[in-house]
Amino acid sequence: MAGTQLLPTTNFGVVSTPKPDVFVAIPPSSPTMHDMKRATSRSTNRSSSRRRLSRLESMIPEEQSKALQPTRALYVTITVALMGTFQLGWILTQLNYKPFNSKCGEDPIPKDNCIMFPGHSGNEWTMAVTSWTIGAAIGTIGSSFPADKYGRQRTLYLNAMVMILGALLQSASTGIYLFAFGRLVSGIAAGAAVNVANVLVSEISPMEMRGLFATGLQVAIAFGSLAVTTCHYFIGYSYGWRLLVGFPIALGGLQIFLLPFTAKSPVWLISVGKPELALAELNRLYLPCDTEAILRAIQASHDEMVEETVGINPWQSLFSKRYRLQLTIAIVLCLAKQLCGINAVMYYSSSIFASAGVNDPRIGNTIINVVRTAGMVFAAKVMDKFRRRTLLLFGMGVMAAAATCISISLIFSSPILSVLATAVYVGAYCFSIGSMAWMVTAEIFPDFLHASAGGIGTMFTFSGDFLVGVSYPTLSKPDVLSDYAFLIFLGFLVIFIVFTYFVVPETAQRTFDEIQAEFDRVSPPSPKPVTEVDPFDSFK
């Protein structure tokens, strides 16, 4: 370099006399010491990737992700992991059959009514319906430790036994309180299954399976609801409900039988210092490729993340001023996922349809669950082709219009309008807040806060679920709001639409660094104190 004199080589065996300070001008374009470190795939993806990545994709170069082709073992692993989320859909809708609790206050109770625990009160039934949400919140938060300590596979094995226990308590219960406790235990299994399956699928999904990673859990939940709704056609007798609530016994047993045929997460194995096993699992999950290079990339990305988070308390950072706006957005979106009223439909649509004059509410239930399942599958294919805010605003706008029509159908007893409006409402939910709430939440936080932010968001999701499940039966009573009760959800939707328009940023087709820079302009990070050090202080 012209005009630059090279300094003589120092003899490390001799203590030289300190020289005066020498200042060399460094052009602004010169790399800093941080930049001179070898960039990992994780840091490169954060500054260049304009699409949502699975955790595996974020840790390896794009060309390596493209080279990963799944084997049968990967499909088996994901299918077995999603069995628990299927159970969540099952437990969500299994009591949405009007003869289970209709006319329980009459004496004598008419035939084929109040099939489950004859004579129970409305409040007791509400307790039984919603108790699983408390368990789901416990399971979601409590499953992170065993999943990180003992692995995803072992945690799913233990969770399958909890699933079996909950189903046994329900099917063998002789009173509604024991039944409600069994629902709570099943909720623990459902919440843990969602959390662990989400992490596992993200850690093994290559580029080819990104769509499954994005909405696979939601599709499994929707399919579980559709399956249990279909079973409602065949349980119209006194003991049929015990077979219905006992089905997860078989599901949990099948999961335990199949888990030995599944693979462990290579990402988790790297995190616990088992690279040899991680390499073996990579070779098992994917067709022959340069798995050793992929292993090195995962190891480098893991080491970088550990280095970045040394001395950092994720919970303290999450509630700091810098991430206050992101946390607010996450909480509001996760509450919107429930306070929009979706689970008033999932829990009580049979009563809603009956109030609107539908002769057989099971038909309406089947229609809306078909729409929900198809909507989630279709949303997985098209969601990356549209902007996040566009889908959120348009979808919630359609939901608001459909909620108005649902109220009109109840007021004027219009069965056709009731079913059509509810189907539109559920379909719009799938394309907007139903598939976007957790996705946007993940996209607005840095990697080291994903787990903590996800835990907070999930807690508020199930809290909103519980609130809707408990309050709607009371609000819809004839002496309260009656047929106008669903208008409350219209009010919430208007609030969420306004919040999204003014507060939620666009995250589609933007890199992580671009998203974080926008938040930093609103809540700039506190400057770190700079301490000047005299390099020759030790010689004084």
Protein backbone atom coordinates (compact mmCIF):
# COMPACT_ATOMS: atom_id res chain seq x y z
CA MET A 1 0.00 0.00 0.00
CA ALA A 2 1.64 3.28 -1.17
CA GLY A 3 2.95 5.54 1.54
CA THR A 4 2.75 2.91 4.26
CA GLN A 5 5.93 1.77 6.02
CA LEU A 6 5.95 -1.75 7.42
CA LEU A 7 6.96 -2.01 11.06
CA PRO A 8 9.92 -4.27 11.83
CA THR A 9 9.16 -7.72 13.15
CA THR A 10 9.34 -7.90 16.94
CA ASN A 11 11.52 -10.49 18.62
CA PHE A 12 9.17 -12.08 21.16
CA GLY A 13 12.14 -13.16 23.30
CA VAL A 14 13.15 -9.56 24.03
CA VAL A 15 11.22 -6.95 25.97
CA SER A 16 11.43 -3.87 23.74
CA THR A 17 11.25 -0.25 24.86
CA PRO A 18 7.75 1.18 24.41
CA LYS A 19 7.41 3.36 21.34
CA PRO A 20 5.24 6.46 21.05
CA ASP A 21 1.68 6.01 19.88
CA VAL A 22 1.34 5.54 16.14
CA PHE A 23 -2.03 6.46 14.57
CA VAL A 24 -2.88 4.95 11.22
CA ALA A 25 -5.89 6.37 9.37
CA ILE A 26 -8.46 3.66 8.57
CA PRO A 27 -10.85 4.44 5.71
CA PRO A 28 -14.58 4.17 6.56
CA SER A 29 -14.88 1.27 4.14
CA SER A 30 -12.29 -0.80 5.97
CA PRO A 31 -13.67 -3.80 7.88
CA THR A 32 -13.87 -3.66 11.65
CA MET A 33 -12.41 -6.43 13.75
CA HIS A 34 -15.95 -7.83 14.20
CA ASP A 35 -16.46 -7.88 10.45
CA MET A 36 -13.08 -9.55 9.91
CA LYS A 37 -14.35 -12.62 11.78
CA ARG A 38 -15.45 -15.37 9.46
CA ALA A 39 -19.14 -14.77 8.80
CA THR A 40 -21.35 -17.73 9.64
CA SER A 41 -24.40 -18.77 7.65
CA ARG A 42 -26.57 -17.51 10.50
CA SER A 43 -25.19 -13.95 10.39
CA THR A 44 -25.30 -13.94 6.58
CA ASN A 45 -28.94 -15.05 6.51
CA ARG A 46 -29.92 -12.37 9.03
CA SER A 47 -28.60 -9.64 6.75
CA SER A 48 -29.57 -11.07 3.35
CA SER A 49 -32.49 -13.52 3.60
CA ARG A 50 -35.85 -12.02 2.58
CA ARG A 51 -37.98 -15.02 3.41
CA ARG A 52 -38.87 -16.83 6.58
CA LEU A 53 -36.50 -19.69 7.31
CA SER A 54 -36.73 -22.75 9.47
CA ARG A 55 -34.10 -22.86 12.21
CA LEU A 56 -32.11 -25.41 10.23
CA GLU A 57 -32.13 -23.20 7.11
CA SER A 58 -30.99 -20.18 9.11
CA MET A 59 -27.88 -22.06 10.31
CA ILE A 60 -26.52 -23.35 6.98
CA PRO A 61 -25.71 -21.80 3.57
CA GLU A 62 -28.54 -21.65 1.04
CA GLU A 63 -26.84 -24.02 -1.40
CA GLN A 64 -26.52 -26.63 1.35
CA SER A 65 -30.18 -26.20 2.30
CA LYS A 66 -31.17 -26.77 -1.33
CA ALA A 67 -29.08 -29.94 -1.40
CA LEU A 68 -30.94 -31.48 1.54
CA GLN A 69 -33.47 -34.00 0.27
CA PRO A 70 -35.61 -35.75 2.90
CA THR A 71 -35.59 -39.47 3.50
CA ARG A 72 -38.45 -41.58 4.82
CA ALA A 73 -37.05 -41.13 8.34
CA LEU A 74 -37.68 -37.37 8.17
CA TYR A 75 -41.31 -37.82 7.12
CA VAL A 76 -41.84 -40.38 9.88
CA THR A 77 -40.25 -38.07 12.46
CA ILE A 78 -42.45 -35.10 11.55
CA THR A 79 -45.62 -37.21 11.31
CA VAL A 80 -45.06 -38.73 14.75
CA ALA A 81 -44.25 -35.31 16.24
CA LEU A 82 -47.48 -33.85 14.84
CA MET A 83 -49.64 -36.54 16.48
CA GLY A 84 -49.72 -34.45 19.64
CA THR A 85 -50.94 -31.37 17.77
CA PHE A 86 -53.63 -33.52 16.16
CA GLN A 87 -54.74 -34.32 19.71
CA LEU A 88 -55.01 -30.58 20.43
CA GLY A 89 -57.52 -30.22 17.59
CA TRP A 90 -59.36 -33.27 18.88
CA ILE A 91 -59.70 -31.97 22.43
CA LEU A 92 -60.55 -28.47 21.18
CA THR A 93 -63.75 -29.61 19.44
CA GLN A 94 -64.69 -32.93 21.03
CA LEU A 95 -67.42 -31.43 23.27
CA ASN A 96 -68.99 -29.29 20.51
CA TYR A 97 -72.03 -31.57 20.18
CA LYS A 98 -75.26 -30.13 21.54
CA PRO A 99 -76.86 -33.35 22.96
CA PHE A 100 -73.93 -33.63 25.38
CA ASN A 101 -75.32 -30.80 27.52
CA SER A 102 -78.70 -29.77 26.12
CA LYS A 103 -81.74 -29.45 28.43
CA CYS A 104 -79.79 -30.58 31.49
CA GLY A 105 -81.88 -28.32 33.71
CA GLU A 106 -85.20 -30.03 32.86
CA ASP A 107 -86.82 -32.64 35.06
CA PRO A 108 -87.19 -35.20 33.68
CA ILE A 109 -84.46 -34.81 31.06
CA PRO A 110 -85.81 -35.63 27.58
CA LYS A 111 -84.43 -38.67 25.81
CA ASP A 112 -81.15 -38.19 23.88
CA ASN A 113 -80.39 -34.96 25.73
CA CYS A 114 -77.78 -34.18 28.39
CA ILE A 115 -75.94 -37.38 27.48
CA MET A 116 -72.87 -36.55 29.58
CA PHE A 117 -73.29 -36.36 33.36
CA PRO A 118 -77.06 -35.71 33.46
CA GLY A 119 -78.09 -32.86 35.69
CA HIS A 120 -74.89 -30.80 35.49
CA SER A 121 -75.21 -26.99 35.54
CA GLY A 122 -74.21 -24.58 32.80
CA ASN A 123 -71.25 -23.30 34.82
CA GLU A 124 -70.01 -26.85 35.40
CA TRP A 125 -70.18 -27.53 31.67
CA THR A 126 -68.24 -24.34 30.90
CA MET A 127 -65.61 -25.45 33.41
CA ALA A 128 -65.32 -28.82 31.67
CA VAL A 129 -65.05 -27.26 28.20
CA THR A 130 -62.38 -24.69 29.08
CA SER A 131 -60.25 -26.49 31.70
CA TRP A 132 -57.91 -27.84 29.02
CA THR A 133 -56.68 -24.31 28.21
CA ILE A 134 -55.17 -23.97 31.69
CA GLY A 135 -53.33 -27.25 31.20
CA ALA A 136 -52.18 -26.16 27.72
CA ALA A 137 -50.57 -23.02 29.15
CA ILE A 138 -48.79 -25.14 31.78
CA GLY A 139 -47.64 -27.65 29.18
CA THR A 140 -46.32 -25.04 26.79
CA ILE A 141 -44.23 -23.22 29.37
CA GLY A 142 -43.15 -26.33 31.28
CA SER A 143 -42.03 -28.39 28.28
CA SER A 144 -39.10 -26.19 27.28
CA PHE A 145 -36.80 -27.40 30.07
CA PRO A 146 -37.12 -31.17 29.45
CA ALA A 147 -36.97 -30.61 25.67
CA ASP A 148 -33.62 -28.81 26.03
CA LYS A 149 -32.29 -31.02 28.84
CA TYR A 150 -33.33 -34.49 27.68
CA GLY A 151 -34.12 -33.96 24.01
CA ARG A 152 -37.18 -33.57 21.82
CA GLN A 153 -37.70 -37.32 21.36
CA ARG A 154 -37.70 -38.21 25.07
CA THR A 155 -39.98 -35.28 25.87
CA LEU A 156 -42.50 -36.44 23.27
CA TYR A 157 -42.35 -39.94 24.77
CA LEU A 158 -43.16 -38.62 28.27
CA ASN A 159 -45.82 -36.35 26.82
CA ALA A 160 -47.53 -39.27 25.11
CA MET A 161 -47.93 -40.91 28.51
CA VAL A 162 -49.51 -37.70 29.85
CA MET A 163 -51.85 -37.76 26.84
CA ILE A 164 -52.88 -41.32 27.70
CA LEU A 165 -53.42 -40.43 31.37
CA GLY A 166 -55.68 -37.50 30.50
CA ALA A 167 -57.79 -39.60 28.15
CA LEU A 168 -58.07 -42.37 30.76
CA LEU A 169 -59.30 -39.94 33.40
CA GLN A 170 -61.93 -38.55 31.03
CA SER A 171 -63.23 -41.85 29.72
CA ALA A 172 -63.42 -43.45 33.19
CA SER A 173 -64.83 -40.43 35.01
CA THR A 174 -68.13 -40.75 36.87
CA GLY A 175 -68.55 -37.04 37.61
CA ILE A 176 -68.01 -33.84 35.72
CA TYR A 177 -65.26 -32.57 38.07
CA LEU A 178 -63.02 -35.58 37.48
CA PHE A 179 -63.79 -35.23 33.78
CA ALA A 180 -62.71 -31.56 33.87
CA PHE A 181 -59.48 -32.56 35.63
CA GLY A 182 -58.84 -35.13 32.90
CA ARG A 183 -59.35 -32.38 30.31
CA LEU A 184 -56.78 -30.27 32.17
CA VAL A 185 -54.24 -33.14 32.04
CA SER A 186 -54.95 -33.61 28.34
CA GLY A 187 -54.40 -29.88 27.91
CA ILE A 188 -50.93 -30.20 29.42
CA ALA A 189 -50.13 -32.82 26.79
CA ALA A 190 -51.57 -30.67 24.01
CA GLY A 191 -49.61 -27.56 25.00
CA ALA A 192 -46.35 -29.46 25.37
CA ALA A 193 -46.89 -31.21 22.03
CA VAL A 194 -47.34 -27.91 20.20
CA ASN A 195 -44.19 -26.44 21.75
CA VAL A 196 -41.90 -29.43 21.22
CA ALA A 197 -43.23 -30.33 17.77
CA ASN A 198 -42.80 -26.73 16.62
CA VAL A 199 -39.15 -26.72 17.69
CA LEU A 200 -38.41 -30.16 16.24
CA VAL A 201 -40.00 -29.47 12.86
CA SER A 202 -38.10 -26.18 12.62
CA GLU A 203 -34.80 -27.90 13.41
CA ILE A 204 -35.05 -30.59 10.72
CA SER A 205 -37.06 -28.89 7.92
CA PRO A 206 -35.01 -28.30 4.75
CA MET A 207 -35.93 -25.73 2.10
CA GLU A 208 -38.18 -28.21 0.32
CA MET A 209 -40.43 -28.48 3.40
CA ARG A 210 -40.61 -24.81 4.43
CA GLY A 211 -44.38 -24.72 3.85
CA LEU A 212 -44.87 -27.57 6.27
CA PHE A 213 -42.73 -25.76 8.81
CA ALA A 214 -44.80 -22.58 8.44
CA THR A 215 -48.28 -24.03 8.93
CA GLY A 216 -47.92 -27.77 9.49
CA LEU A 217 -48.94 -27.46 13.14
CA GLN A 218 -52.04 -25.45 12.29
CA VAL A 219 -53.03 -27.98 9.61
CA ALA A 220 -52.63 -30.87 12.09
CA ILE A 221 -54.79 -29.03 14.66
CA ALA A 222 -57.47 -28.30 12.04
CA PHE A 223 -57.44 -31.91 10.85
CA GLY A 224 -57.88 -33.10 14.44
CA SER A 225 -60.97 -30.89 14.80
CA LEU A 226 -62.38 -32.19 11.52
CA ALA A 227 -61.82 -35.80 12.57
CA VAL A 228 -63.61 -35.45 15.92
CA THR A 229 -66.49 -33.54 14.28
CA THR A 230 -66.93 -36.45 11.86
CA CYS A 231 -67.08 -38.84 14.82
CA HIS A 232 -70.02 -36.88 16.26
CA TYR A 233 -72.25 -38.60 13.67
CA PHE A 234 -71.61 -41.99 15.30
CA ILE A 235 -71.81 -41.37 19.04
CA GLY A 236 -75.50 -40.64 19.58
CA TYR A 237 -75.88 -43.11 22.43
CA SER A 238 -75.28 -43.09 26.17
CA TYR A 239 -71.72 -44.47 26.32
CA GLY A 240 -70.45 -43.33 22.90
CA TRP A 241 -68.86 -40.19 24.35
CA ARG A 242 -66.48 -42.36 26.40
CA LEU A 243 -65.06 -43.82 23.19
CA LEU A 244 -64.71 -40.30 21.82
CA VAL A 245 -62.77 -38.87 24.76
CA GLY A 246 -60.79 -42.11 25.10
CA PHE A 247 -59.43 -42.05 21.53
CA PRO A 248 -56.18 -40.27 22.57
CA ILE A 249 -55.29 -43.44 24.50
CA ALA A 250 -54.82 -45.17 21.16
CA LEU A 251 -53.15 -42.08 19.67
CA GLY A 252 -50.65 -41.84 22.53
CA GLY A 253 -49.95 -45.57 22.38
CA LEU A 254 -49.27 -45.34 18.64
CA GLN A 255 -46.92 -42.40 19.20
CA ILE A 256 -44.96 -44.34 21.85
CA PHE A 257 -44.70 -47.31 19.47
CA LEU A 258 -43.42 -45.15 16.58
CA LEU A 259 -41.03 -42.85 18.46
CA PRO A 260 -38.12 -45.37 18.35
CA PHE A 261 -38.30 -45.13 14.54
CA THR A 262 -37.87 -41.34 14.58
CA ALA A 263 -34.63 -39.36 14.37
CA LYS A 264 -33.17 -36.99 16.94
CA SER A 265 -32.61 -33.34 16.13
CA PRO A 266 -29.03 -32.71 14.90
CA VAL A 267 -29.33 -29.09 16.07
CA TRP A 268 -30.14 -30.23 19.62
CA LEU A 269 -27.33 -32.81 19.56
CA ILE A 270 -24.86 -30.07 18.61
CA SER A 271 -26.15 -27.91 21.47
CA VAL A 272 -25.40 -30.67 24.01
CA GLY A 273 -21.94 -31.45 22.59
CA LYS A 274 -22.63 -34.64 20.61
CA PRO A 275 -21.37 -33.89 17.06
CA GLU A 276 -20.79 -37.56 16.18
CA LEU A 277 -24.43 -38.44 16.87
CA ALA A 278 -25.52 -35.27 15.06
CA LEU A 279 -23.65 -36.40 11.94
CA ALA A 280 -25.27 -39.83 12.13
CA GLU A 281 -28.74 -38.25 12.38
CA LEU A 282 -28.01 -35.94 9.43
CA ASN A 283 -27.13 -38.98 7.32
CA ARG A 284 -30.33 -40.65 8.49
CA LEU A 285 -32.64 -37.70 7.79
CA TYR A 286 -31.37 -36.69 4.33
CA LEU A 287 -30.26 -38.38 1.13
CA PRO A 288 -26.46 -38.60 0.60
CA CYS A 289 -24.82 -35.16 0.47
CA ASP A 290 -21.94 -33.30 2.13
CA THR A 291 -23.31 -33.74 5.65
CA GLU A 292 -19.92 -33.03 7.24
CA ALA A 293 -19.91 -29.50 5.76
CA ILE A 294 -23.49 -29.02 6.95
CA LEU A 295 -22.48 -30.19 10.43
CA ARG A 296 -19.62 -27.67 10.50
CA ALA A 297 -22.03 -24.88 9.49
CA ILE A 298 -24.49 -25.84 12.25
CA GLN A 299 -21.65 -25.95 14.79
CA ALA A 300 -20.34 -22.52 13.72
CA SER A 301 -23.80 -20.97 13.89
CA HIS A 302 -24.42 -22.50 17.31
CA ASP A 303 -21.07 -21.20 18.60
CA GLU A 304 -21.86 -17.72 17.27
CA MET A 305 -25.24 -17.66 19.01
CA VAL A 306 -23.68 -18.82 22.29
CA GLU A 307 -21.03 -16.10 22.00
CA GLU A 308 -23.66 -13.43 21.34
CA THR A 309 -25.74 -14.35 24.39
CA VAL A 310 -22.96 -14.75 26.96
CA GLY A 311 -23.92 -12.74 30.02
CA ILE A 312 -27.34 -11.82 28.58
CA ASN A 313 -30.55 -12.57 30.48
CA PRO A 314 -33.21 -13.18 27.79
CA TRP A 315 -36.13 -12.34 30.11
CA GLN A 316 -34.51 -9.11 31.26
CA SER A 317 -33.82 -8.16 27.63
CA LEU A 318 -37.37 -9.05 26.56
CA PHE A 319 -38.87 -6.55 29.03
CA SER A 320 -36.28 -3.85 28.35
CA LYS A 321 -37.16 -0.56 26.67
CA ARG A 322 -35.55 -1.65 23.40
CA TYR A 323 -37.96 -4.57 22.87
CA ARG A 324 -41.03 -3.02 24.52
CA LEU A 325 -42.79 -2.30 21.22
CA GLN A 326 -42.08 -5.77 19.83
CA LEU A 327 -43.42 -7.36 23.02
CA THR A 328 -46.57 -5.23 22.83
CA ILE A 329 -47.15 -6.28 19.22
CA ALA A 330 -46.62 -9.96 20.09
CA ILE A 331 -49.07 -9.84 23.00
CA VAL A 332 -51.76 -8.00 21.01
CA LEU A 333 -51.49 -10.31 17.99
CA CYS A 334 -51.62 -13.45 20.16
CA LEU A 335 -54.64 -12.08 22.03
CA ALA A 336 -56.25 -11.18 18.70
CA LYS A 337 -55.87 -14.81 17.66
CA GLN A 338 -58.45 -15.70 20.35
CA LEU A 339 -60.42 -12.53 21.15
CA CYS A 340 -61.54 -12.39 17.52
CA GLY A 341 -63.97 -15.11 18.68
CA ILE A 342 -62.70 -18.15 16.77
CA ASN A 343 -63.05 -20.48 19.74
CA ALA A 344 -66.57 -19.33 20.46
CA VAL A 345 -67.20 -21.06 17.13
CA MET A 346 -64.95 -24.06 17.86
CA TYR A 347 -66.54 -24.65 21.29
CA TYR A 348 -70.14 -23.59 20.79
CA SER A 349 -70.96 -23.57 17.06
CA SER A 350 -73.53 -26.35 17.57
CA SER A 351 -75.43 -24.04 19.95
CA ILE A 352 -74.95 -21.07 17.61
CA PHE A 353 -76.35 -23.02 14.65
CA ALA A 354 -79.23 -24.37 16.73
CA SER A 355 -80.13 -20.81 17.79
CA ALA A 356 -80.11 -19.78 14.12
CA GLY A 357 -82.53 -22.59 13.26
CA VAL A 358 -80.18 -25.22 11.80
CA ASN A 359 -81.89 -28.61 12.21
CA ASP A 360 -78.68 -30.65 12.54
CA PRO A 361 -75.78 -28.48 13.85
CA ARG A 362 -73.34 -31.31 13.06
CA ILE A 363 -73.64 -30.46 9.37
CA GLY A 364 -72.64 -26.86 10.06
CA ASN A 365 -69.76 -28.03 12.26
CA THR A 366 -68.50 -30.31 9.49
CA ILE A 367 -68.64 -27.51 6.92
CA ILE A 368 -66.66 -25.04 9.02
CA ASN A 369 -64.01 -27.64 9.91
CA VAL A 370 -63.61 -28.61 6.25
CA VAL A 371 -63.18 -24.91 5.46
CA ARG A 372 -60.67 -24.53 8.29
CA THR A 373 -58.58 -27.52 7.23
CA ALA A 374 -58.59 -26.57 3.54
CA GLY A 375 -57.92 -22.93 4.44
CA MET A 376 -54.82 -23.77 6.47
CA VAL A 377 -53.45 -26.03 3.71
CA PHE A 378 -54.04 -23.35 1.07
CA ALA A 379 -52.64 -20.59 3.30
CA ALA A 380 -49.36 -22.52 3.54
CA LYS A 381 -49.00 -22.28 -0.25
CA VAL A 382 -49.85 -18.61 -0.77
CA MET A 383 -48.91 -16.73 2.40
CA ASP A 384 -45.41 -15.83 1.19
CA LYS A 385 -46.84 -14.34 -2.01
CA PHE A 386 -48.60 -11.52 -0.14
CA ARG A 387 -47.51 -8.92 2.38
CA ARG A 388 -48.14 -9.79 6.02
CA ARG A 389 -50.01 -6.56 6.81
CA THR A 390 -52.21 -6.97 3.72
CA LEU A 391 -53.31 -10.43 4.80
CA LEU A 392 -53.85 -9.34 8.41
CA LEU A 393 -55.86 -6.24 7.57
CA PHE A 394 -57.91 -7.75 4.74
CA GLY A 395 -58.54 -11.02 6.60
CA MET A 396 -59.66 -9.35 9.83
CA GLY A 397 -61.82 -6.97 7.79
CA VAL A 398 -63.61 -9.94 6.21
CA MET A 399 -63.94 -11.52 9.66
CA ALA A 400 -65.56 -8.32 10.97
CA ALA A 401 -68.10 -8.36 8.12
CA ALA A 402 -68.77 -12.08 8.69
CA ALA A 403 -69.20 -11.53 12.46
CA THR A 404 -71.87 -8.94 11.64
CA CYS A 405 -73.66 -11.45 9.41
CA ILE A 406 -73.46 -14.14 12.11
CA SER A 407 -75.20 -11.76 14.53
CA ILE A 408 -77.85 -10.96 11.92
CA SER A 409 -78.45 -14.69 11.34
CA LEU A 410 -78.99 -15.19 15.07
CA ILE A 411 -81.31 -12.21 15.43
CA PHE A 412 -83.47 -13.21 12.45
CA SER A 413 -83.03 -17.02 12.77
CA SER A 414 -81.51 -17.53 9.31
CA PRO A 415 -79.87 -20.99 9.17
CA ILE A 416 -78.35 -20.60 5.69
CA LEU A 417 -76.81 -17.21 6.49
CA SER A 418 -75.53 -18.60 9.79
CA VAL A 419 -73.59 -21.46 8.15
CA LEU A 420 -72.31 -19.36 5.22
CA ALA A 421 -71.21 -16.44 7.42
CA THR A 422 -69.45 -18.75 9.87
CA ALA A 423 -67.66 -20.55 7.02
CA VAL A 424 -66.44 -17.20 5.61
CA TYR A 425 -65.42 -16.11 9.10
CA VAL A 426 -63.34 -19.27 9.66
CA GLY A 427 -61.80 -19.11 6.18
CA ALA A 428 -60.72 -15.48 6.68
CA TYR A 429 -59.25 -16.44 10.05
CA CYS A 430 -57.06 -19.07 8.39
CA PHE A 431 -55.61 -16.55 5.93
CA SER A 432 -54.99 -13.80 8.48
CA ILE A 433 -54.57 -13.82 12.22
CA GLY A 434 -54.87 -17.60 12.49
CA SER A 435 -51.70 -18.28 10.48
CA MET A 436 -49.92 -14.93 10.95
CA ALA A 437 -49.93 -14.20 14.69
CA TRP A 438 -47.12 -16.55 15.70
CA MET A 439 -45.28 -16.00 12.39
CA VAL A 440 -45.04 -12.21 12.79
CA THR A 441 -44.15 -12.66 16.46
CA ALA A 442 -41.17 -14.83 15.45
CA GLU A 443 -40.06 -12.39 12.75
CA ILE A 444 -39.84 -9.27 14.94
CA PHE A 445 -37.52 -10.69 17.62
CA PRO A 446 -33.83 -11.62 17.46
CA ASP A 447 -32.91 -15.29 17.70
CA PHE A 448 -32.01 -15.30 21.39
CA LEU A 449 -35.46 -13.96 22.35
CA HIS A 450 -37.57 -16.33 20.22
CA ALA A 451 -38.13 -18.84 23.03
CA SER A 452 -38.98 -16.23 25.68
CA ALA A 453 -41.21 -14.19 23.36
CA GLY A 454 -42.90 -17.37 22.15
CA GLY A 455 -43.61 -18.38 25.75
CA ILE A 456 -45.20 -15.01 26.54
CA GLY A 457 -47.22 -15.06 23.32
CA THR A 458 -48.46 -18.59 23.92
CA MET A 459 -49.45 -17.73 27.49
CA PHE A 460 -51.59 -14.83 26.24
CA THR A 461 -53.02 -17.02 23.47
CA PHE A 462 -54.33 -19.59 25.93
CA SER A 463 -55.41 -16.85 28.35
CA GLY A 464 -57.54 -15.34 25.59
CA ASP A 465 -58.84 -18.80 24.72
CA PHE A 466 -59.90 -19.35 28.34
CA LEU A 467 -61.55 -15.92 28.55
CA VAL A 468 -63.63 -16.51 25.41
CA GLY A 469 -64.58 -20.04 26.43
CA VAL A 470 -65.75 -18.95 29.89
CA SER A 471 -67.48 -15.69 28.98
CA TYR A 472 -69.38 -16.48 25.77
CA PRO A 473 -71.97 -18.89 27.29
CA THR A 474 -72.82 -16.26 29.92
CA LEU A 475 -72.94 -13.36 27.46
CA SER A 476 -75.19 -15.29 25.06
CA LYS A 477 -77.83 -16.03 27.71
CA PRO A 478 -81.30 -14.58 26.93
CA ASP A 479 -81.16 -12.25 29.94
CA VAL A 480 -77.70 -10.86 29.04
CA LEU A 481 -76.79 -10.12 25.39
CA SER A 482 -78.58 -13.06 23.82
CA ASP A 483 -78.28 -13.00 20.01
CA TYR A 484 -76.15 -9.84 20.13
CA ALA A 485 -73.26 -11.52 22.00
CA PHE A 486 -71.17 -12.13 18.88
CA LEU A 487 -71.03 -8.37 18.24
CA ILE A 488 -68.45 -8.16 21.03
CA PHE A 489 -66.00 -9.95 18.75
CA LEU A 490 -66.79 -7.43 16.02
CA GLY A 491 -65.69 -4.69 18.42
CA PHE A 492 -62.43 -6.50 19.20
CA LEU A 493 -61.75 -7.02 15.49
CA VAL A 494 -62.13 -3.29 14.81
CA ILE A 495 -59.62 -2.55 17.61
CA PHE A 496 -57.14 -5.10 16.24
CA ILE A 497 -57.48 -3.75 12.69
CA VAL A 498 -56.70 -0.20 13.87
CA PHE A 499 -53.75 -1.45 15.95
CA THR A 500 -52.33 -3.44 13.04
CA TYR A 501 -52.66 -0.51 10.64
CA PHE A 502 -50.84 1.97 12.86
CA VAL A 503 -48.40 -0.19 14.85
CA VAL A 504 -47.52 -3.52 13.20
CA PRO A 505 -44.65 -3.19 10.67
CA GLU A 506 -44.36 -5.12 7.42
CA THR A 507 -42.04 -8.13 7.82
CA ALA A 508 -42.49 -9.95 4.51
CA GLN A 509 -39.58 -9.80 2.07
CA ARG A 510 -37.43 -8.01 4.62
CA THR A 511 -34.24 -9.19 6.26
CA PHE A 512 -33.97 -9.54 10.02
CA ASP A 513 -31.51 -6.63 10.13
CA GLU A 514 -33.95 -4.38 8.24
CA ILE A 515 -36.80 -5.25 10.62
CA GLN A 516 -34.61 -4.63 13.68
CA ALA A 517 -33.37 -1.31 12.29
CA GLU A 518 -36.96 -0.07 11.99
CA PHE A 519 -37.65 -0.87 15.64
CA ASP A 520 -34.34 0.72 16.70
CA ARG A 521 -35.46 3.99 15.11
CA VAL A 522 -38.52 3.94 17.37
CA SER A 523 -36.77 2.63 20.51
CA PRO A 524 -33.01 3.13 20.01
CA PRO A 525 -30.75 0.89 22.11
CA SER A 526 -29.00 2.54 25.04
CA PRO A 527 -25.45 3.50 24.13
CA LYS A 528 -22.81 1.45 25.86
CA PRO A 529 -20.30 3.41 27.96
CA VAL A 530 -16.87 3.70 26.37
CA THR A 531 -13.83 3.50 28.61
CA GLU A 532 -10.56 4.90 27.30
CA VAL A 533 -7.54 2.80 28.21
CA ASP A 534 -3.94 3.93 28.03
CA PRO A 535 -2.13 1.03 26.24
CA PHE A 536 1.13 1.86 28.03
CA ASP A 537 -0.34 2.22 31.50
CA SER A 538 1.37 -1.00 32.62
CA PHE A 539 4.79 0.47 31.89
CA LYS A 540 4.31 3.48 34.19
